[in-house]
Protein backbone atom coordinates (compact mmCIF):
# COMPACT_ATOMS: atom_id res chain seq x y z
CA MET A 1 235.08 135.72 152.71
CA LEU A 2 232.83 132.93 151.49
CA ILE A 3 229.16 133.62 150.74
CA GLU A 4 226.40 131.05 150.36
CA THR A 5 222.97 132.25 149.20
CA PHE A 6 219.65 130.63 150.12
CA THR A 7 216.40 131.85 148.55
CA VAL A 8 213.69 131.64 151.20
CA GLY A 9 210.10 132.70 151.83
CA MET A 10 207.19 133.65 149.60
CA LEU A 11 208.99 136.82 148.50
CA SER A 12 212.19 134.95 147.56
CA THR A 13 214.40 136.70 150.08
CA ASN A 14 218.14 136.19 149.79
CA CYS A 15 219.40 134.73 153.05
CA TYR A 16 223.19 134.81 153.15
CA VAL A 17 225.54 132.68 155.23
CA VAL A 18 228.87 134.50 155.23
CA ASN A 19 231.96 132.93 156.74
CA ASN A 20 235.68 133.29 157.19
CA PRO A 21 237.29 130.19 155.66
CA GLN A 22 240.24 130.26 158.07
CA THR A 23 238.37 130.47 161.38
CA LYS A 24 235.00 129.06 160.20
CA GLU A 25 233.20 131.86 162.07
CA ALA A 26 230.00 132.82 160.26
CA ILE A 27 227.07 135.21 160.28
CA ILE A 28 223.55 134.77 158.90
CA ILE A 29 222.07 137.75 157.04
CA ASP A 30 218.29 138.17 156.59
CA PRO A 31 216.81 134.74 157.41
CA GLY A 32 213.36 135.59 156.03
CA LEU A 33 211.74 132.17 156.35
CA ASP A 34 208.02 131.55 155.91
CA PHE A 35 208.17 127.97 157.18
CA PRO A 36 210.59 126.43 159.72
CA ILE A 37 211.37 123.60 157.30
CA GLU A 38 213.15 126.15 155.09
CA ALA A 39 215.79 126.48 157.78
CA GLN A 40 216.86 122.87 157.33
CA GLN A 41 218.89 123.55 154.18
CA VAL A 42 220.76 126.29 156.03
CA PHE A 43 221.34 124.07 159.07
CA GLU A 44 222.71 121.32 156.85
CA TYR A 45 225.10 123.66 155.07
CA ILE A 46 226.41 125.09 158.34
CA THR A 47 226.92 121.59 159.75
CA LYS A 48 228.57 120.30 156.59
CA GLU A 49 231.01 123.21 156.49
CA LYS A 50 231.59 123.03 160.27
CA LEU A 51 230.78 126.71 160.69
CA LYS A 52 230.52 128.53 164.01
CA VAL A 53 227.61 130.97 163.82
CA LYS A 54 228.37 134.19 165.71
CA LEU A 55 225.31 136.34 165.03
CA ILE A 56 222.18 136.97 162.99
CA LEU A 57 222.09 140.23 161.04
CA ASN A 58 219.05 142.00 159.62
CA THR A 59 219.47 144.62 156.90
CA HIS A 60 216.09 146.03 157.92
CA GLY A 61 213.00 145.13 159.89
CA HIS A 62 210.47 143.90 157.33
CA GLN A 63 208.93 140.52 158.02
CA ASP A 64 210.38 138.87 154.91
CA HIS A 65 213.86 139.52 156.30
CA ILE A 66 213.43 138.83 160.03
CA SER A 67 210.83 136.04 160.22
CA GLY A 68 213.45 133.33 160.72
CA ASP A 69 215.46 135.19 163.35
CA ILE A 70 214.06 133.27 166.30
CA ILE A 71 214.56 129.89 164.60
CA PHE A 72 218.26 130.53 164.13
CA GLN A 73 218.59 132.16 167.53
CA GLU A 74 217.11 129.06 169.15
CA LYS A 75 219.47 126.85 167.17
CA TYR A 76 222.71 128.74 167.80
CA ASN A 77 221.95 130.94 170.86
CA VAL A 78 223.48 134.02 169.28
CA PRO A 79 222.44 137.70 169.27
CA ILE A 80 220.40 139.41 166.58
CA TYR A 81 221.81 142.62 165.08
CA ILE A 82 219.60 145.35 163.60
CA HIS A 83 219.82 149.11 163.21
CA LYS A 84 218.31 150.95 166.16
CA PHE A 85 215.75 152.72 163.94
CA ASP A 86 214.24 149.37 162.88
CA ALA A 87 214.56 147.71 166.30
CA PRO A 88 210.81 147.99 167.09
CA SER A 89 210.21 145.28 164.48
CA LEU A 90 211.84 142.79 166.86
CA GLU A 91 209.63 143.61 169.84
CA ASN A 92 207.57 140.42 169.47
CA LEU A 93 210.58 138.09 169.54
CA GLU A 94 211.18 135.99 172.65
CA LYS A 95 213.74 137.70 174.85
CA ASP A 96 213.99 135.79 178.10
CA LYS A 97 216.09 132.84 176.91
CA PHE A 98 218.32 134.58 174.40
CA PRO A 99 220.77 137.48 174.11
CA ALA A 100 219.15 140.87 173.70
CA PRO A 101 219.28 142.37 170.20
CA VAL A 102 222.34 144.42 169.39
CA LEU A 103 221.33 147.84 168.08
CA LEU A 104 223.53 149.10 165.28
CA GLU A 105 224.48 152.61 164.25
CA ASP A 106 226.02 154.04 161.10
CA GLY A 107 229.71 153.21 160.93
CA ASN A 108 229.68 150.21 163.27
CA LEU A 109 232.00 147.34 162.39
CA ILE A 110 230.76 143.75 162.53
CA ASP A 111 233.67 141.37 163.02
CA PHE A 112 233.67 137.61 162.58
CA GLY A 113 236.84 135.62 162.29
CA GLU A 114 239.24 137.69 160.25
CA GLU A 115 236.41 139.36 158.34
CA SER A 116 234.71 142.68 158.92
CA LEU A 117 231.61 144.39 157.54
CA LYS A 118 230.94 148.10 158.01
CA VAL A 119 227.41 149.35 158.62
CA MET A 120 226.22 152.06 156.24
CA LEU A 121 222.83 153.56 157.15
CA THR A 122 220.78 153.76 153.94
CA PRO A 123 217.20 154.78 154.81
CA GLY A 124 214.48 155.02 152.21
CA HIS A 125 212.97 151.55 152.22
CA THR A 126 212.75 151.74 156.02
CA PRO A 127 214.24 154.28 158.45
CA GLY A 128 216.79 151.74 159.66
CA SER A 129 217.76 150.08 156.39
CA ILE A 130 221.46 149.36 156.25
CA CYS A 131 224.02 148.19 153.72
CA LEU A 132 227.04 146.18 154.78
CA LEU A 133 230.39 147.04 153.25
CA GLY A 134 233.14 144.50 152.85
CA GLU A 135 236.50 144.84 151.14
CA LYS A 136 235.15 144.38 147.61
CA LEU A 137 231.44 143.86 148.12
CA VAL A 138 228.28 145.26 149.60
CA PHE A 139 225.13 143.61 150.94
CA THR A 140 222.39 146.08 150.00
CA GLY A 141 219.26 144.60 151.57
CA ASP A 142 216.23 146.21 149.95
CA THR A 143 217.98 149.46 149.11
CA LEU A 144 219.49 148.43 145.78
CA PHE A 145 218.63 145.49 143.52
CA ALA A 146 220.04 144.42 140.18
CA GLY A 147 218.20 146.82 137.90
CA GLY A 148 215.96 148.24 140.60
CA ILE A 149 215.58 149.70 144.08
CA GLY A 150 213.47 149.00 147.13
CA ARG A 151 209.96 150.35 147.48
CA THR A 152 209.49 153.61 149.33
CA ASP A 153 205.70 153.57 149.69
CA PHE A 154 205.59 151.41 152.84
CA PRO A 155 205.21 153.04 156.27
CA GLY A 156 208.53 154.61 157.18
CA GLY A 157 209.67 154.76 153.56
CA SER A 158 210.96 157.95 151.98
CA ILE A 159 211.75 158.75 148.36
CA TYR A 160 213.98 161.62 149.47
CA ASP A 161 215.97 159.42 151.84
CA MET A 162 216.25 156.72 149.18
CA LYS A 163 217.80 159.19 146.76
CA LEU A 164 220.45 160.16 149.29
CA SER A 165 221.15 156.52 150.11
CA LEU A 166 221.59 155.60 146.46
CA GLN A 167 224.00 158.48 146.04
CA LYS A 168 226.11 156.98 148.83
CA LEU A 169 226.20 153.64 147.05
CA MET A 170 227.21 155.24 143.77
CA TYR A 171 230.41 156.47 145.40
CA LEU A 172 231.52 152.88 145.93
CA PRO A 173 234.22 151.53 143.58
CA ASP A 174 232.91 150.23 140.26
CA TYR A 175 234.20 146.72 140.95
CA PHE A 176 232.18 146.22 144.14
CA LEU A 177 229.94 143.17 143.99
CA VAL A 178 226.33 143.79 145.01
CA TYR A 179 224.45 141.18 147.06
CA PRO A 180 220.83 142.40 147.31
CA GLY A 181 217.92 141.33 149.49
CA HIS A 182 216.07 139.86 146.49
CA GLY A 183 217.07 138.76 143.01
CA PRO A 184 220.46 138.14 141.40
CA SER A 185 223.76 139.66 142.43
CA SER A 186 225.28 142.49 140.41
CA ILE A 187 228.22 144.88 140.32
CA ILE A 188 228.26 148.59 141.00
CA ILE A 189 229.48 149.58 137.55
CA GLU A 190 226.61 147.69 135.92
CA GLU A 191 224.08 149.45 138.13
CA LYS A 192 225.60 152.81 137.24
CA ARG A 193 225.28 151.94 133.56
CA SER A 194 221.88 150.32 133.35
CA ASN A 195 219.78 150.72 136.48
CA PRO A 196 217.02 153.14 135.40
CA PHE A 197 216.55 154.42 138.94
CA LEU A 198 220.14 155.54 139.10
CA ASN A 199 220.07 157.24 135.71
CA SER A 200 216.91 159.27 135.97
CA ASP A 201 215.56 161.97 138.23
CA ILE A 202 211.97 161.16 137.27
CA ILE A 203 211.08 159.17 140.40
CA PHE A 204 212.61 161.80 142.62
C-alpha cells in the first residue's frame, strides 16, 4: 500500500491518496480543499503515477474534510463513501450526475486493488467519525492526532464517546502507523507513551 499525503485547506487537512502498486487502483481520503486550484497537485500526482481512482472516502462530515468531494467526483466520476451517521453533511452535494454516496457501517471492508481497509466507527468528534484499519496502519481522521485528539465541543461531539473510541484504538498493535486528519503521522506505541489525552482521566 502506497500513501501520498497532501496538506490542503485553511485548516491544513491531510488528504491522502492511497493506492495498490500492483493494480494502480487508488482511493482519495478526506479531500478538504478550500480552493479548486488545490486539487491540481493531486490531479498531477494521480496522472503521473497512472492511478485509477475508485472512490472518495470521508473519515467524517466536517467541511474541512469533505469540501473537495465534488471536485474529485466530477473529475473521476466515482462514489463518495461516508458513515451513515455523518451522511447528512453531504446533502448539498450535486447528486443527479454522479453515483449516490455509499453509506458505511462499522466493520465494512473497503477494497481497492489487492488492498483492503476496515471501517471502525469511532464517534466523539462527530457521531459518524470512522478510522480505517489496514494491515499495519490506521487512518484516524480527527479522532486521534500525534499528541492530541479531536475536539468534542462541536455539535454532535461527545467526550464520553471519544473516550470509548480512544480505548478501541489503544488495543491496536504498538507498531501500527497512525495517519491522522491533521498534523504529522505517528505510531500507536508513541501515542500510548506520550499523548496526554491517553494517559490522563482529567478530560473525561
